[in-house]
Protein backbone atom coordinates (compact mmCIF):
# COMPACT_ATOMS: atom_id res chain seq x y z
CA UNK A 1 96.98 123.65 75.82
CA UNK A 2 96.96 120.48 75.56
CA UNK A 3 94.23 118.07 77.59
CA UNK A 4 97.14 116.91 79.64
CA UNK A 5 97.95 120.33 81.00
CA UNK A 6 94.12 121.27 81.72
CA UNK A 7 92.98 122.87 84.91
CA UNK A 8 92.47 120.25 87.54
CA UNK A 9 95.48 118.28 86.62
CA UNK A 10 97.67 117.30 89.56
CA UNK A 11 100.93 119.35 89.41
CA UNK A 12 104.12 119.17 91.07
CA UNK A 13 106.17 122.27 90.56
CA UNK A 14 109.72 123.01 91.60
CA UNK A 15 113.07 120.72 91.16
CA UNK A 16 113.08 119.32 94.67
CA UNK A 17 109.39 118.40 94.44
CA UNK A 18 109.78 116.66 91.13
CA UNK A 19 112.94 114.90 92.29
CA UNK A 20 111.01 113.45 95.57
CA UNK A 21 108.16 112.55 93.41
CA UNK A 22 110.11 110.51 91.00
CA UNK A 23 112.51 108.98 93.93
CA UNK A 24 109.11 108.01 95.86
CA UNK A 25 107.58 106.00 92.78
CA UNK A 26 104.66 108.13 92.60
CA UNK A 27 102.75 107.47 89.30
CA UNK A 28 103.79 110.44 87.05
CA UNK A 29 102.30 111.02 83.63
CA UNK A 30 105.10 113.45 82.28
CA UNK A 31 107.72 115.97 83.19
CA UNK A 32 107.75 119.30 81.54
CA UNK A 33 110.80 121.36 81.28
CA UNK A 34 110.97 124.94 80.11
CA UNK A 35 112.81 125.60 77.18
CA UNK A 36 116.63 126.38 77.82
CA UNK A 37 116.54 124.81 80.88
CA UNK A 38 117.83 121.59 80.30
CA UNK A 39 121.14 121.91 82.52
CA UNK A 40 122.41 121.31 85.98
CA UNK A 41 119.60 119.58 88.43
CA UNK A 42 117.06 119.89 85.54
CA UNK A 43 119.13 117.45 83.50
CA UNK A 44 119.71 115.17 86.50
CA UNK A 45 115.71 115.18 86.67
CA UNK A 46 115.26 114.41 82.93
CA UNK A 47 117.81 111.69 83.23
CA UNK A 48 116.15 109.98 85.91
CA UNK A 49 112.48 110.51 84.43
CA UNK A 50 114.09 108.72 81.29
CA UNK A 51 115.06 105.81 83.30
CA UNK A 52 111.73 105.25 84.49
CA UNK A 53 110.35 105.78 81.10
CA UNK A 54 108.35 108.77 81.72
CA UNK A 55 107.69 111.00 78.87
CA UNK A 56 109.73 114.30 78.91
CA UNK A 57 108.00 117.34 76.99
CA UNK A 58 110.07 120.62 76.38
CA UNK A 59 107.32 123.35 76.93
CA UNK A 60 107.48 127.56 76.68
CA UNK A 61 108.09 128.90 80.01
CA UNK A 62 104.75 130.99 79.65
CA UNK A 63 102.90 127.76 79.30
CA UNK A 64 104.70 126.38 82.49
CA UNK A 65 103.91 129.60 84.28
CA UNK A 66 100.44 129.39 83.54
CA UNK A 67 100.18 125.72 84.33
CA UNK A 68 101.68 126.27 87.74
CA UNK A 69 99.61 128.99 88.45
CA UNK A 70 102.33 131.25 90.10
CA UNK A 71 104.11 128.57 92.04
CA UNK A 72 108.04 128.75 91.94
CA UNK A 73 108.66 126.11 89.12
CA UNK A 74 112.33 126.49 88.64
CA UNK A 75 111.95 125.67 84.97
CA UNK A 76 110.47 122.02 85.84
CA UNK A 77 106.97 120.55 86.70
CA UNK A 78 105.65 117.21 86.57
CA UNK A 79 101.86 115.95 85.84
CA UNK A 80 100.85 113.04 88.46
CA UNK A 81 98.29 110.79 87.64
CA UNK A 82 95.03 110.84 89.19
CA UNK A 83 95.56 107.50 91.00
CA UNK A 84 98.02 104.71 91.53
CA UNK A 85 98.42 102.38 88.54
CA UNK A 86 97.43 98.72 89.20
CA UNK A 87 99.33 95.77 88.18
CA UNK A 88 98.38 92.55 85.92
CA UNK A 89 98.47 90.47 88.87
CA UNK A 90 95.73 92.87 90.29
CA UNK A 91 93.63 92.38 87.33
CA UNK A 92 93.80 88.62 87.67
CA UNK A 93 93.17 88.86 91.33
CA UNK A 94 89.68 90.69 90.78
CA UNK A 95 88.72 88.06 88.58
CA UNK A 96 89.52 85.60 90.88
CA UNK A 97 87.75 87.22 93.72
CA UNK A 98 84.44 87.60 91.51
CA UNK A 99 85.06 83.70 90.41
CA UNK A 100 84.74 84.60 87.00
CA UNK A 101 87.36 84.04 83.94
CA UNK A 102 89.58 86.89 83.36
CA UNK A 103 88.14 89.84 80.86
CA UNK A 104 90.58 92.28 80.17
CA UNK A 105 90.76 95.32 77.89
CA UNK A 106 94.19 96.40 76.17
CA UNK A 107 94.51 99.43 74.79
CA UNK A 108 97.25 99.49 71.96
CA UNK A 109 98.35 103.35 72.09
CA UNK A 110 95.08 105.28 72.38
CA UNK A 111 96.16 108.82 72.55
CA UNK A 112 92.70 110.67 72.87
CA UNK A 113 91.96 111.12 76.68
CA UNK A 114 88.26 111.28 76.00
CA UNK A 115 88.46 107.99 73.95
CA UNK A 116 90.28 106.37 77.06
CA UNK A 117 87.87 107.77 79.61
CA UNK A 118 85.13 106.58 77.81
CA UNK A 119 86.47 103.10 77.58
CA UNK A 120 87.10 102.91 81.17
CA UNK A 121 83.35 103.70 81.86
CA UNK A 122 82.29 101.45 79.70
CA UNK A 123 84.57 98.62 80.80
CA UNK A 124 83.58 99.11 84.46
CA UNK A 125 79.90 98.98 83.47
CA UNK A 126 80.45 95.75 81.29
CA UNK A 127 82.10 94.20 83.96
CA UNK A 128 85.83 94.02 83.06
CA UNK A 129 88.15 93.12 85.40
CA UNK A 130 90.73 95.75 84.17
CA UNK A 131 92.51 97.73 81.49
CA UNK A 132 96.07 97.70 80.26
CA UNK A 133 97.64 100.37 78.65
CA UNK A 134 101.21 101.06 77.41
CA UNK A 135 103.56 103.69 79.01
CA UNK A 136 104.64 105.36 75.91
CA UNK A 137 102.75 106.94 72.76
CA UNK A 138 99.51 106.79 74.67
CA UNK A 139 97.27 108.92 77.21
CA UNK A 140 97.65 108.28 80.75
CA UNK A 141 95.50 108.72 83.67
CA UNK A 142 95.19 112.48 83.58
CA UNK A 143 92.36 115.15 84.50
CA UNK A 144 90.57 114.92 81.41
CA UNK A 145 90.42 111.11 81.37
CA UNK A 146 89.15 111.04 84.85
CA UNK A 147 86.36 113.31 83.98
CA UNK A 148 85.43 111.64 80.70
CA UNK A 149 85.07 108.10 82.92
CA UNK A 150 82.54 109.82 85.20
CA UNK A 151 84.54 108.51 88.17
CA UNK A 152 84.66 104.61 86.82
CA UNK A 153 88.63 105.24 86.88
CA UNK A 154 88.11 104.50 90.75
CA UNK A 155 86.80 101.11 90.30
CA UNK A 156 88.75 99.68 87.33
CA UNK A 157 92.08 98.43 87.88
CA UNK A 158 94.44 100.08 85.36
CA UNK A 159 97.74 98.91 84.35
CA UNK A 160 100.66 100.42 82.54
CA UNK A 161 103.24 98.42 80.85
CA UNK A 162 106.46 98.98 79.01
CA UNK A 163 105.50 96.51 76.01
CA UNK A 164 101.95 95.48 74.99
CA UNK A 165 103.07 92.49 72.80
CA UNK A 166 105.17 91.38 75.61
CA UNK A 167 102.18 91.46 78.04
CA UNK A 168 99.78 89.66 75.52
CA UNK A 169 102.32 86.67 75.54
CA UNK A 170 102.12 86.97 79.34
CA UNK A 171 98.31 86.96 79.18
CA UNK A 172 98.29 83.82 76.80
CA UNK A 173 100.46 82.04 79.24
CA UNK A 174 97.81 82.93 81.98
CA UNK A 175 95.20 81.31 79.99
CA UNK A 176 93.84 84.04 78.11
CA UNK A 177 92.42 83.99 74.55
CA UNK A 178 93.42 87.23 72.80
CA UNK A 179 90.90 89.09 70.48
CA UNK A 180 91.98 91.77 68.37
CA UNK A 181 89.73 94.39 67.25
CA UNK A 182 90.18 95.36 63.62
CA UNK A 183 89.18 95.36 59.78
CA UNK A 184 89.33 92.27 57.69
CA UNK A 185 88.27 89.57 60.58
CA UNK A 186 85.32 87.52 61.71
CA UNK A 187 82.22 89.33 62.55
CA UNK A 188 82.44 89.73 66.21
CA UNK A 189 79.06 88.09 67.50
CA UNK A 190 80.06 84.70 65.49
CA UNK A 191 82.95 83.82 68.08
CA UNK A 192 82.56 82.27 71.21
CA UNK A 193 83.62 84.92 74.10
CA UNK A 194 82.84 83.28 77.01
CA UNK A 195 86.49 82.10 78.48
CA UNK A 196 89.28 83.96 79.89
CA UNK A 197 89.85 86.80 77.20
CA UNK A 198 91.74 89.78 76.39
CA UNK A 199 90.23 92.25 73.91
CA UNK A 200 92.65 94.51 72.16
CA UNK A 201 91.90 97.78 70.86
CA UNK A 202 94.04 99.62 68.55
CA UNK A 203 94.79 103.21 68.33
CA UNK A 204 92.56 106.03 66.73
CA UNK A 205 94.69 106.71 63.30
CA UNK A 206 96.40 103.21 62.75
CA UNK A 207 94.48 100.65 64.34
CA UNK A 208 96.17 97.49 65.78
CA UNK A 209 100.20 97.71 65.36
CA UNK A 210 101.65 94.73 63.44
CA UNK A 211 103.40 92.79 66.25
CA UNK A 212 100.17 93.51 68.34
CA UNK A 213 97.84 92.23 65.47
CA UNK A 214 100.40 89.32 65.08
CA UNK A 215 99.62 88.07 68.79
CA UNK A 216 96.22 88.23 68.51
CA UNK A 217 94.39 84.60 68.37
CA UNK A 218 91.45 85.73 66.59
CA UNK A 219 90.38 89.06 65.05
CA UNK A 220 87.12 90.36 65.56
CA UNK A 221 85.25 92.89 62.90
CA UNK A 222 82.16 94.89 63.27
CA UNK A 223 80.09 95.09 59.96
CA UNK A 224 80.39 98.31 58.28
CA UNK A 225 77.15 99.13 56.06
CA UNK A 226 77.32 102.61 55.74
CA UNK A 227 79.60 104.66 53.48
CA UNK A 228 82.19 105.22 56.33
CA UNK A 229 84.31 102.05 57.12
CA UNK A 230 85.47 102.68 60.73
CA UNK A 231 84.23 103.66 63.93
CA UNK A 232 85.31 105.95 67.03
CA UNK A 233 87.49 103.69 69.03
CA UNK A 234 85.80 104.05 72.24
CA UNK A 235 82.54 103.38 70.13
CA UNK A 236 84.12 100.28 68.79
CA UNK A 237 85.02 99.03 72.09
CA UNK A 238 81.89 99.65 73.71
CA UNK A 239 80.23 97.22 71.23
CA UNK A 240 82.68 94.69 71.39
CA UNK A 241 83.04 94.66 75.39
CA UNK A 242 79.13 94.25 75.58
CA UNK A 243 79.09 91.35 73.21
CA UNK A 244 81.73 89.69 75.79
CA UNK A 245 79.26 90.53 78.56
CA UNK A 246 76.21 89.34 76.78
CA UNK A 247 77.87 85.99 76.12
CA UNK A 248 79.00 85.53 79.80
CA UNK A 249 75.50 86.49 81.16
CA UNK A 250 73.80 84.07 78.88
CA UNK A 251 75.88 81.13 80.24
CA UNK A 252 75.12 82.55 83.81
CA UNK A 253 71.62 82.59 83.19
CA UNK A 254 71.68 78.92 81.91
CA UNK A 255 73.66 77.97 84.94
CA UNK A 256 71.10 79.78 87.15
CA UNK A 257 73.30 82.54 88.10
CA UNK A 258 76.31 80.42 89.04
């Protein structure tokens, strides 16, 4: 059973409840359909989910039975997000309310729930104003993410967008400098990271996508001194986030905390 299906996830079971959840605009991570049930009203549900760019997963009926804990699911269920997603505007508003230059973490197809949860936890501790994740090919706000974040997701605005390269263009227009984390860049500590900034972390297996990398103004790299040439995504993100924080706190101390 995948992490998105773990006990503790918010499950919506049945054709009418799922239909209403989709209609209401509730944040849905995925719609699950039992094999052989893609017909009639279930097909309509699938079409609605597809129009909303919500992933649709075909699963074995026994898995759906177990997931729904005996509830009558009629061949369809949905996994709801543990909280409503924020918007990019919400993230900028938080930075403005703190009178700070925006510091945003952008995740390019992070698929592991433990990595996302750890990044959310570190971002909240490091004073980031928000996190942006894609709707497709990435883990969302499921139960495991919430548990791994140790509750930090409650305090961190998390926006989910259709296209990461497009949102990077938007962030540039709003004054952010885009820093990508990848190999073959400049050593991270040699850069001035104090202004409005977005830090982009790539996927666990492939790093930054080509289009995403092309949108970055600077590529930050961590020195690799051992025999392994890469770090876990959440570990690399944590090191880089705290360099942004260190430089910002240094400026505050120079300015007397202003």
